[in-house]
Amino acid sequence: MSRRVKLNELGEFFGQLEYPVARERLADEFDDVDLVYADGEESLPTLLDRIEYETFESPGDLTTEIMNTVPVEGVGEPGQSEGEG
């Protein structure tokens, strides 16, 4: 069964990792994680494939890169909570 993580929960979700962390390790360790968007879902490994960085130095760096990669429609309308569709 896959785990579902809302976009506004990413910082807390990734806060438990030891940094720096490699993108490949994230894809392997979180292969069962789906990100919940305002308009649907996407697997975390699929999204990570679109990020050019190989290593992340902190939870903030990782979260920022993910948010920069999420499709605009995934974030929702202005004023809407992230990932709560």
C-alpha atoms as a PDB file:
ATOM      1  CA  MET A   1       0.000   0.000   0.000  1.00  0.00           C
ATOM      2  CA  SER A   2       1.379   3.384  -0.914  1.00  0.00           C
ATOM      3  CA  ARG A   3       1.890   6.264   1.479  1.00  0.00           C
ATOM      4  CA  ARG A   4       0.275   9.573   0.581  1.00  0.00           C
ATOM      5  CA  VAL A   5       1.938  12.868   1.480  1.00  0.00           C
ATOM      6  CA  LYS A   6       0.373  16.296   0.985  1.00  0.00           C
ATOM      7  CA  LEU A   7       2.601  19.043  -0.349  1.00  0.00           C
ATOM      8  CA  ASN A   8       2.242  21.056   2.852  1.00  0.00           C
ATOM      9  CA  GLU A   9       3.640  18.078   4.812  1.00  0.00           C
ATOM     10  CA  LEU A  10       6.883  17.708   2.857  1.00  0.00           C
ATOM     11  CA  GLY A  11       9.135  19.589   5.302  1.00  0.00           C
ATOM     12  CA  GLU A  12       8.094  17.387   8.204  1.00  0.00           C
ATOM     13  CA  PHE A  13       8.162  14.231   6.061  1.00  0.00           C
ATOM     14  CA  PHE A  14      11.746  14.849   4.889  1.00  0.00           C
ATOM     15  CA  GLY A  15      12.931  16.250   8.227  1.00  0.00           C
ATOM     16  CA  GLN A  16      13.666  12.755   9.546  1.00  0.00           C
ATOM     17  CA  LEU A  17      16.367  12.019   6.947  1.00  0.00           C
ATOM     18  CA  GLU A  18      20.104  12.409   7.391  1.00  0.00           C
ATOM     19  CA  TYR A  19      21.599  15.003   5.051  1.00  0.00           C
ATOM     20  CA  PRO A  20      23.140  15.314   2.579  1.00  0.00           C
ATOM     21  CA  VAL A  21      20.959  12.757   0.796  1.00  0.00           C
ATOM     22  CA  ALA A  22      21.198  11.503  -2.788  1.00  0.00           C
ATOM     23  CA  ARG A  23      18.254  11.719  -5.150  1.00  0.00           C
ATOM     24  CA  GLU A  24      18.706   8.038  -6.059  1.00  0.00           C
ATOM     25  CA  ARG A  25      18.432   7.031  -2.390  1.00  0.00           C
ATOM     26  CA  LEU A  26      15.241   9.061  -2.021  1.00  0.00           C
ATOM     27  CA  ALA A  27      13.696   7.379  -5.057  1.00  0.00           C
ATOM     28  CA  ASP A  28      14.556   3.933  -3.670  1.00  0.00           C
ATOM     29  CA  GLU A  29      13.544   4.610  -0.063  1.00  0.00           C
ATOM     30  CA  PHE A  30      10.301   6.365  -0.957  1.00  0.00           C
ATOM     31  CA  ASP A  31       9.240   4.290  -3.967  1.00  0.00           C
ATOM     32  CA  ASP A  32       5.848   3.772  -2.289  1.00  0.00           C
ATOM     33  CA  VAL A  33       5.115   7.484  -1.718  1.00  0.00           C
ATOM     34  CA  ASP A  34       2.534   9.418  -3.720  1.00  0.00           C
ATOM     35  CA  LEU A  35       2.447  13.209  -3.511  1.00  0.00           C
ATOM     36  CA  VAL A  36      -1.090  14.543  -3.158  1.00  0.00           C
ATOM     37  CA  TYR A  37      -1.746  17.544  -5.380  1.00  0.00           C
ATOM     38  CA  ALA A  38      -4.746  19.834  -5.533  1.00  0.00           C
ATOM     39  CA  ASP A  39      -5.708  18.123  -8.790  1.00  0.00           C
ATOM     40  CA  GLY A  40      -4.486  14.550  -8.296  1.00  0.00           C
ATOM     41  CA  GLU A  41      -1.415  12.571  -7.297  1.00  0.00           C
ATOM     42  CA  GLU A  42       2.033  11.673  -8.586  1.00  0.00           C
ATOM     43  CA  SER A  43       4.586   9.179  -7.364  1.00  0.00           C
ATOM     44  CA  LEU A  44       7.567  10.767  -5.639  1.00  0.00           C
ATOM     45  CA  PRO A  45      10.125   8.802  -7.707  1.00  0.00           C
ATOM     46  CA  THR A  46       8.492  10.081 -10.921  1.00  0.00           C
ATOM     47  CA  LEU A  47       8.790  13.663  -9.735  1.00  0.00           C
ATOM     48  CA  LEU A  48      12.383  13.135  -8.554  1.00  0.00           C
ATOM     49  CA  ASP A  49      13.299  11.993 -12.077  1.00  0.00           C
ATOM     50  CA  ARG A  50      12.549  15.529 -13.305  1.00  0.00           C
ATOM     51  CA  ILE A  51      14.882  17.201 -10.776  1.00  0.00           C
ATOM     52  CA  GLU A  52      18.395  17.828 -12.049  1.00  0.00           C
ATOM     53  CA  TYR A  53      20.154  17.894  -8.668  1.00  0.00           C
ATOM     54  CA  GLU A  54      21.788  14.664  -7.525  1.00  0.00           C
ATOM     55  CA  THR A  55      22.183  15.586  -3.831  1.00  0.00           C
ATOM     56  CA  PHE A  56      20.218  17.669  -1.338  1.00  0.00           C
ATOM     57  CA  GLU A  57      21.875  19.347   1.626  1.00  0.00           C
ATOM     58  CA  SER A  58      18.802  19.919   3.823  1.00  0.00           C
ATOM     59  CA  PRO A  59      15.054  19.273   4.069  1.00  0.00           C
ATOM     60  CA  GLY A  60      14.515  22.853   2.879  1.00  0.00           C
ATOM     61  CA  ASP A  61      16.600  22.307  -0.261  1.00  0.00           C
ATOM     62  CA  LEU A  62      14.717  19.121  -1.070  1.00  0.00           C
ATOM     63  CA  THR A  63      11.288  20.643  -0.435  1.00  0.00           C
ATOM     64  CA  THR A  64      12.126  23.712  -2.524  1.00  0.00           C
ATOM     65  CA  GLU A  65      13.224  21.621  -5.491  1.00  0.00           C
ATOM     66  CA  ILE A  66      10.094  19.482  -5.278  1.00  0.00           C
ATOM     67  CA  MET A  67       7.838  22.539  -5.097  1.00  0.00           C
ATOM     68  CA  ASN A  68       9.675  24.057  -8.091  1.00  0.00           C
ATOM     69  CA  THR A  69       8.981  20.852 -10.044  1.00  0.00           C
ATOM     70  CA  VAL A  70       5.322  20.304  -9.148  1.00  0.00           C
ATOM     71  CA  PRO A  71       3.010  21.281 -12.026  1.00  0.00           C
ATOM     72  CA  VAL A  72       1.302  24.633 -11.465  1.00  0.00           C
ATOM     73  CA  GLU A  73      -2.098  22.930 -11.468  1.00  0.00           C
ATOM     74  CA  GLY A  74      -0.935  20.674  -8.636  1.00  0.00           C
ATOM     75  CA  VAL A  75      -0.589  23.531  -6.188  1.00  0.00           C
ATOM     76  CA  GLY A  76      -4.153  24.751  -6.729  1.00  0.00           C
ATOM     77  CA  GLU A  77      -5.807  28.123  -6.717  1.00  0.00           C
ATOM     78  CA  PRO A  78      -4.345  31.075  -4.797  1.00  0.00           C
ATOM     79  CA  GLY A  79      -5.380  30.815  -1.168  1.00  0.00           C
ATOM     80  CA  GLN A  80      -6.033  27.084  -1.367  1.00  0.00           C
ATOM     81  CA  SER A  81      -4.086  24.914   1.055  1.00  0.00           C
ATOM     82  CA  GLU A  82      -1.386  22.892  -0.677  1.00  0.00           C
ATOM     83  CA  GLY A  83      -2.376  19.368  -1.518  1.00  0.00           C
ATOM     84  CA  GLU A  84      -5.806  19.526   0.042  1.00  0.00           C
ATOM     85  CA  GLY A  85      -7.616  19.675  -3.313  1.00  0.00           C
END
